[in-house]
């Protein structure tokens, strides 16, 4: 197993990130607002407090990087 192949795949995914982020700006902003609001108070940020927003962002990323059919 080659360590080089792992890095090449990781770099390929990272190259697609700016495009995916641009396509998912609304979802990224909603997730960021949720995390900022959850962390702003005296209480600690809890796991799954922004789960709905995270899932929406993850689904958008998945759609954005999926190859176009045809």
PDB file of N, CA and C in Angstrom:
ATOM      1  N   UNK A   1       0.849  -1.175   0.000  1.00  0.00           N
ATOM      2  CA  UNK A   1       0.000   0.000   0.000  1.00  0.00           C
ATOM      3  C   UNK A   1       0.891   1.234   0.000  1.00  0.00           C
ATOM      4  N   UNK A   2       0.573   2.162  -0.843  1.00  0.00           N
ATOM      5  CA  UNK A   2       1.421   3.324  -1.012  1.00  0.00           C
ATOM      6  C   UNK A   2       0.882   4.523  -0.228  1.00  0.00           C
ATOM      7  N   UNK A   3       1.753   5.144   0.534  1.00  0.00           N
ATOM      8  CA  UNK A   3       1.377   6.368   1.232  1.00  0.00           C
ATOM      9  C   UNK A   3       1.171   7.514   0.261  1.00  0.00           C
ATOM     10  N   UNK A   4       1.850   7.456  -0.863  1.00  0.00           N
ATOM     11  CA  UNK A   4       1.734   8.507  -1.876  1.00  0.00           C
ATOM     12  C   UNK A   4       0.311   8.577  -2.428  1.00  0.00           C
ATOM     13  N   UNK A   5      -0.310   7.427  -2.656  1.00  0.00           N
ATOM     14  CA  UNK A   5      -1.679   7.402  -3.176  1.00  0.00           C
ATOM     15  C   UNK A   5      -2.662   8.072  -2.228  1.00  0.00           C
ATOM     16  N   UNK A   6      -2.441   7.894  -0.930  1.00  0.00           N
ATOM     17  CA  UNK A   6      -3.310   8.523   0.065  1.00  0.00           C
ATOM     18  C   UNK A   6      -3.222  10.038  -0.057  1.00  0.00           C
ATOM     19  N   UNK A   7      -2.015  10.556  -0.164  1.00  0.00           N
ATOM     20  CA  UNK A   7      -1.836  12.008  -0.259  1.00  0.00           C
ATOM     21  C   UNK A   7      -2.394  12.555  -1.562  1.00  0.00           C
ATOM     22  N   UNK A   8      -2.261  11.824  -2.636  1.00  0.00           N
ATOM     23  CA  UNK A   8      -2.809  12.286  -3.912  1.00  0.00           C
ATOM     24  C   UNK A   8      -4.332  12.374  -3.852  1.00  0.00           C
ATOM     25  N   UNK A   9      -4.967  11.384  -3.242  1.00  0.00           N
ATOM     26  CA  UNK A   9      -6.430  11.421  -3.100  1.00  0.00           C
ATOM     27  C   UNK A   9      -6.854  12.557  -2.179  1.00  0.00           C
ATOM     28  N   UNK A  10      -6.124  12.766  -1.101  1.00  0.00           N
ATOM     29  CA  UNK A  10      -6.459  13.849  -0.172  1.00  0.00           C
ATOM     30  C   UNK A  10      -6.325  15.207  -0.856  1.00  0.00           C
ATOM     31  N   UNK A  11      -5.258  15.392  -1.622  1.00  0.00           N
ATOM     32  CA  UNK A  11      -5.079  16.657  -2.344  1.00  0.00           C
ATOM     33  C   UNK A  11      -6.189  16.881  -3.363  1.00  0.00           C
ATOM     34  N   UNK A  12      -6.606  15.825  -4.041  1.00  0.00           N
ATOM     35  CA  UNK A  12      -7.682  15.939  -5.022  1.00  0.00           C
ATOM     36  C   UNK A  12      -8.980  16.385  -4.342  1.00  0.00           C
ATOM     37  N   UNK A  13      -9.262  15.825  -3.163  1.00  0.00           N
ATOM     38  CA  UNK A  13     -10.465  16.242  -2.432  1.00  0.00           C
ATOM     39  C   UNK A  13     -10.356  17.694  -1.980  1.00  0.00           C
ATOM     40  N   UNK A  14      -9.192  18.085  -1.509  1.00  0.00           N
ATOM     41  CA  UNK A  14      -9.008  19.459  -1.046  1.00  0.00           C
ATOM     42  C   UNK A  14      -9.120  20.470  -2.189  1.00  0.00           C
ATOM     43  N   UNK A  15      -8.718  20.093  -3.386  1.00  0.00           N
ATOM     44  CA  UNK A  15      -8.847  20.997  -4.537  1.00  0.00           C
ATOM     45  C   UNK A  15     -10.305  21.281  -4.867  1.00  0.00           C
ATOM     46  N   UNK A  16     -11.190  20.318  -4.575  1.00  0.00           N
ATOM     47  CA  UNK A  16     -12.610  20.508  -4.861  1.00  0.00           C
ATOM     48  C   UNK A  16     -13.322  21.309  -3.774  1.00  0.00           C
ATOM     49  N   UNK A  17     -12.692  21.487  -2.625  1.00  0.00           N
ATOM     50  CA  UNK A  17     -13.355  22.133  -1.499  1.00  0.00           C
ATOM     51  C   UNK A  17     -13.806  23.565  -1.791  1.00  0.00           C
ATOM     52  N   UNK A  18     -12.999  24.435  -2.386  1.00  0.00           N
ATOM     53  CA  UNK A  18     -13.475  25.806  -2.636  1.00  0.00           C
ATOM     54  C   UNK A  18     -14.732  25.856  -3.504  1.00  0.00           C
ATOM     55  N   UNK A  19     -14.811  24.990  -4.498  1.00  0.00           N
ATOM     56  CA  UNK A  19     -15.995  24.947  -5.355  1.00  0.00           C
ATOM     57  C   UNK A  19     -17.206  24.486  -4.559  1.00  0.00           C
ATOM     58  N   UNK A  20     -17.027  23.461  -3.755  1.00  0.00           N
ATOM     59  CA  UNK A  20     -18.129  22.956  -2.940  1.00  0.00           C
ATOM     60  C   UNK A  20     -18.579  24.001  -1.933  1.00  0.00           C
ATOM     61  N   UNK A  21     -17.640  24.696  -1.320  1.00  0.00           N
ATOM     62  CA  UNK A  21     -17.993  25.726  -0.350  1.00  0.00           C
ATOM     63  C   UNK A  21     -18.747  26.866  -1.019  1.00  0.00           C
ATOM     64  N   UNK A  22     -18.328  27.250  -2.208  1.00  0.00           N
ATOM     65  CA  UNK A  22     -19.026  28.312  -2.931  1.00  0.00           C
ATOM     66  C   UNK A  22     -20.448  27.891  -3.281  1.00  0.00           C
ATOM     67  N   UNK A  23     -20.630  26.624  -3.608  1.00  0.00           N
ATOM     68  CA  UNK A  23     -21.960  26.122  -3.966  1.00  0.00           C
ATOM     69  C   UNK A  23     -22.853  25.971  -2.739  1.00  0.00           C
ATOM     70  N   UNK A  24     -22.256  25.903  -1.554  1.00  0.00           N
ATOM     71  CA  UNK A  24     -23.019  25.642  -0.332  1.00  0.00           C
ATOM     72  C   UNK A  24     -22.900  26.786   0.670  1.00  0.00           C
ATOM     73  N   UNK A  25     -22.786  27.989   0.166  1.00  0.00           N
ATOM     74  CA  UNK A  25     -22.596  29.145   1.037  1.00  0.00           C
ATOM     75  C   UNK A  25     -23.718  29.351   2.041  1.00  0.00           C
ATOM     76  N   UNK A  26     -24.954  29.161   1.621  1.00  0.00           N
ATOM     77  CA  UNK A  26     -26.084  29.354   2.534  1.00  0.00           C
ATOM     78  C   UNK A  26     -26.047  28.346   3.676  1.00  0.00           C
ATOM     79  N   UNK A  27     -25.780  27.090   3.346  1.00  0.00           N
ATOM     80  CA  UNK A  27     -25.729  26.048   4.371  1.00  0.00           C
ATOM     81  C   UNK A  27     -24.533  26.257   5.306  1.00  0.00           C
ATOM     82  N   UNK A  28     -23.399  26.677   4.739  1.00  0.00           N
ATOM     83  CA  UNK A  28     -22.214  26.930   5.564  1.00  0.00           C
ATOM     84  C   UNK A  28     -22.463  28.089   6.519  1.00  0.00           C
ATOM     85  N   UNK A  29     -23.127  29.131   6.026  1.00  0.00           N
ATOM     86  CA  UNK A  29     -23.433  30.286   6.876  1.00  0.00           C
ATOM     87  C   UNK A  29     -24.401  29.896   7.998  1.00  0.00           C
ATOM     88  N   UNK A  30     -25.407  29.091   7.673  1.00  0.00           N
ATOM     89  CA  UNK A  30     -26.368  28.655   8.690  1.00  0.00           C
ATOM     90  C   UNK A  30     -25.678  27.818   9.769  1.00  0.00           C
ATOM     91  N   UNK A  31     -24.794  26.929   9.360  1.00  0.00           N
ATOM     92  CA  UNK A  31     -24.065  26.105  10.321  1.00  0.00           C
ATOM     93  C   UNK A  31     -23.151  26.988  11.183  1.00  0.00           C
ATOM     94  N   UNK A  32     -22.470  27.914  10.559  1.00  0.00           N
ATOM     95  CA  UNK A  32     -21.599  28.822  11.307  1.00  0.00           C
ATOM     96  C   UNK A  32     -22.363  29.664  12.311  1.00  0.00           C
ATOM     97  N   UNK A  33     -23.527  30.174  11.912  1.00  0.00           N
ATOM     98  CA  UNK A  33     -24.349  30.953  12.840  1.00  0.00           C
ATOM     99  C   UNK A  33     -24.804  30.098  14.017  1.00  0.00           C
ATOM    100  N   UNK A  34     -25.185  28.862  13.740  1.00  0.00           N
ATOM    101  CA  UNK A  34     -25.628  27.960  14.798  1.00  0.00           C
ATOM    102  C   UNK A  34     -24.500  27.689  15.793  1.00  0.00           C
ATOM    103  N   UNK A  35     -23.327  27.372  15.290  1.00  0.00           N
ATOM    104  CA  UNK A  35     -22.188  27.084  16.173  1.00  0.00           C
ATOM    105  C   UNK A  35     -21.815  28.323  16.976  1.00  0.00           C
ATOM    106  N   UNK A  36     -21.790  29.487  16.330  1.00  0.00           N
ATOM    107  CA  UNK A  36     -21.454  30.722  17.034  1.00  0.00           C
ATOM    108  C   UNK A  36     -22.475  31.019  18.130  1.00  0.00           C
ATOM    109  N   UNK A  37     -23.753  30.836  17.834  1.00  0.00           N
ATOM    110  CA  UNK A  37     -24.792  31.091  18.830  1.00  0.00           C
ATOM    111  C   UNK A  37     -24.696  30.091  19.982  1.00  0.00           C
ATOM    112  N   UNK A  38     -24.428  28.846  19.667  1.00  0.00           N
ATOM    113  CA  UNK A  38     -24.342  27.814  20.703  1.00  0.00           C
ATOM    114  C   UNK A  38     -23.118  28.004  21.593  1.00  0.00           C
ATOM    115  N   UNK A  39     -22.057  28.579  21.047  1.00  0.00           N
ATOM    116  CA  UNK A  39     -20.821  28.757  21.808  1.00  0.00           C
ATOM    117  C   UNK A  39     -20.732  30.123  22.480  1.00  0.00           C
ATOM    118  N   UNK A  40     -21.676  31.005  22.201  1.00  0.00           N
ATOM    119  CA  UNK A  40     -21.593  32.375  22.691  1.00  0.00           C
ATOM    120  C   UNK A  40     -21.909  32.504  24.186  1.00  0.00           C
ATOM    121  N   UNK A  41     -22.761  31.666  24.693  1.00  0.00           N
ATOM    122  CA  UNK A  41     -23.173  31.778  26.092  1.00  0.00           C
ATOM    123  C   UNK A  41     -22.162  31.179  27.041  1.00  0.00           C
ATOM    124  N   UNK A  42     -22.503  31.195  28.309  1.00  0.00           N
ATOM    125  CA  UNK A  42     -21.594  30.636  29.316  1.00  0.00           C
ATOM    126  C   UNK A  42     -21.530  29.104  29.267  1.00  0.00           C
ATOM    127  N   UNK A  43     -22.531  28.484  28.670  1.00  0.00           N
ATOM    128  CA  UNK A  43     -22.528  27.018  28.583  1.00  0.00           C
ATOM    129  C   UNK A  43     -21.570  26.554  27.488  1.00  0.00           C
ATOM    130  N   UNK A  44     -21.109  25.327  27.627  1.00  0.00           N
ATOM    131  CA  UNK A  44     -20.219  24.757  26.621  1.00  0.00           C
ATOM    132  C   UNK A  44     -21.003  24.342  25.382  1.00  0.00           C
ATOM    133  N   UNK A  45     -20.319  24.302  24.271  1.00  0.00           N
ATOM    134  CA  UNK A  45     -20.910  23.802  23.034  1.00  0.00           C
ATOM    135  C   UNK A  45     -21.129  22.304  23.195  1.00  0.00           C
ATOM    136  N   UNK A  46     -22.337  21.858  22.948  1.00  0.00           N
ATOM    137  CA  UNK A  46     -22.685  20.449  23.116  1.00  0.00           C
ATOM    138  C   UNK A  46     -22.707  19.729  21.778  1.00  0.00           C
ATOM    139  N   UNK A  47     -22.362  18.469  21.829  1.00  0.00           N
ATOM    140  CA  UNK A  47     -22.416  17.628  20.635  1.00  0.00           C
ATOM    141  C   UNK A  47     -23.848  17.583  20.123  1.00  0.00           C
ATOM    142  N   UNK A  48     -24.003  17.614  18.822  1.00  0.00           N
ATOM    143  CA  UNK A  48     -25.289  17.528  18.130  1.00  0.00           C
ATOM    144  C   UNK A  48     -26.175  18.749  18.321  1.00  0.00           C
ATOM    145  N   UNK A  49     -25.669  19.836  18.890  1.00  0.00           N
ATOM    146  CA  UNK A  49     -26.509  21.016  19.060  1.00  0.00           C
ATOM    147  C   UNK A  49     -26.822  21.672  17.711  1.00  0.00           C
ATOM    148  N   UNK A  50     -26.007  21.454  16.711  1.00  0.00           N
ATOM    149  CA  UNK A  50     -26.237  22.008  15.369  1.00  0.00           C
ATOM    150  C   UNK A  50     -26.292  20.886  14.335  1.00  0.00           C
ATOM    151  N   UNK A  51     -26.825  19.763  14.735  1.00  0.00           N
ATOM    152  CA  UNK A  51     -26.825  18.578  13.883  1.00  0.00           C
ATOM    153  C   UNK A  51     -27.612  18.793  12.592  1.00  0.00           C
ATOM    154  N   UNK A  52     -28.762  19.428  12.684  1.00  0.00           N
ATOM    155  CA  UNK A  52     -29.578  19.651  11.487  1.00  0.00           C
ATOM    156  C   UNK A  52     -28.834  20.504  10.454  1.00  0.00           C
ATOM    157  N   UNK A  53     -28.190  21.571  10.910  1.00  0.00           N
ATOM    158  CA  UNK A  53     -27.433  22.442  10.026  1.00  0.00           C
ATOM    159  C   UNK A  53     -26.217  21.719   9.447  1.00  0.00           C
ATOM    160  N   UNK A  54     -25.551  20.903  10.275  1.00  0.00           N
ATOM    161  CA  UNK A  54     -24.398  20.149   9.800  1.00  0.00           C
ATOM    162  C   UNK A  54     -24.800  19.154   8.720  1.00  0.00           C
ATOM    163  N   UNK A  55     -25.907  18.461   8.944  1.00  0.00           N
ATOM    164  CA  UNK A  55     -26.362  17.489   7.942  1.00  0.00           C
ATOM    165  C   UNK A  55     -26.713  18.168   6.626  1.00  0.00           C
ATOM    166  N   UNK A  56     -27.345  19.335   6.702  1.00  0.00           N
ATOM    167  CA  UNK A  56     -27.682  20.071   5.480  1.00  0.00           C
ATOM    168  C   UNK A  56     -26.409  20.469   4.734  1.00  0.00           C
ATOM    169  N   UNK A  57     -25.393  20.908   5.462  1.00  0.00           N
ATOM    170  CA  UNK A  57     -24.121  21.285   4.844  1.00  0.00           C
ATOM    171  C   UNK A  57     -23.427  20.068   4.238  1.00  0.00           C
ATOM    172  N   UNK A  58     -23.407  18.960   4.965  1.00  0.00           N
ATOM    173  CA  UNK A  58     -22.771  17.740   4.467  1.00  0.00           C
ATOM    174  C   UNK A  58     -23.461  17.227   3.200  1.00  0.00           C
ATOM    175  N   UNK A  59     -24.779  17.265   3.169  1.00  0.00           N
ATOM    176  CA  UNK A  59     -25.515  16.831   1.984  1.00  0.00           C
ATOM    177  C   UNK A  59     -25.244  17.752   0.799  1.00  0.00           C
ATOM    178  N   UNK A  60     -25.165  19.037   1.056  1.00  0.00           N
ATOM    179  CA  UNK A  60     -24.850  19.984  -0.015  1.00  0.00           C
ATOM    180  C   UNK A  60     -23.452  19.728  -0.564  1.00  0.00           C
ATOM    181  N   UNK A  61     -22.475  19.515   0.308  1.00  0.00           N
ATOM    182  CA  UNK A  61     -21.118  19.193  -0.142  1.00  0.00           C
ATOM    183  C   UNK A  61     -21.117  17.935  -1.003  1.00  0.00           C
ATOM    184  N   UNK A  62     -21.851  16.923  -0.563  1.00  0.00           N
ATOM    185  CA  UNK A  62     -21.903  15.667  -1.314  1.00  0.00           C
ATOM    186  C   UNK A  62     -22.482  15.893  -2.714  1.00  0.00           C
ATOM    187  N   UNK A  63     -23.521  16.714  -2.808  1.00  0.00           N
ATOM    188  CA  UNK A  63     -24.102  17.027  -4.126  1.00  0.00           C
ATOM    189  C   UNK A  63     -23.137  17.855  -4.974  1.00  0.00           C
ATOM    190  N   UNK A  64     -22.426  18.769  -4.340  1.00  0.00           N
ATOM    191  CA  UNK A  64     -21.533  19.669  -5.070  1.00  0.00           C
ATOM    192  C   UNK A  64     -20.333  18.932  -5.673  1.00  0.00           C
ATOM    193  N   UNK A  65     -19.845  17.888  -5.028  1.00  0.00           N
ATOM    194  CA  UNK A  65     -18.658  17.192  -5.528  1.00  0.00           C
ATOM    195  C   UNK A  65     -19.008  15.957  -6.339  1.00  0.00           C
ATOM    196  N   UNK A  66     -20.272  15.603  -6.385  1.00  0.00           N
ATOM    197  CA  UNK A  66     -20.698  14.431  -7.156  1.00  0.00           C
ATOM    198  C   UNK A  66     -20.492  14.713  -8.641  1.00  0.00           C
ATOM    199  N   UNK A  67     -19.928  13.774  -9.363  1.00  0.00           N
ATOM    200  CA  UNK A  67     -19.748  13.980 -10.808  1.00  0.00           C
ATOM    201  C   UNK A  67     -21.093  14.141 -11.499  1.00  0.00           C
ATOM    202  N   UNK A  68     -21.134  15.009 -12.484  1.00  0.00           N
ATOM    203  CA  UNK A  68     -22.355  15.223 -13.259  1.00  0.00           C
ATOM    204  C   UNK A  68     -22.620  14.004 -14.130  1.00  0.00           C
ATOM    205  N   UNK A  69     -23.860  13.522 -14.162  1.00  0.00           N
ATOM    206  CA  UNK A  69     -24.166  12.370 -15.027  1.00  0.00           C
ATOM    207  C   UNK A  69     -24.147  12.787 -16.489  1.00  0.00           C
ATOM    208  N   UNK A  70     -23.695  11.885 -17.313  1.00  0.00           N
ATOM    209  CA  UNK A  70     -23.733  12.113 -18.758  1.00  0.00           C
ATOM    210  C   UNK A  70     -22.499  12.548 -19.307  1.00  0.00           C
TER     211      UNK A  70
END
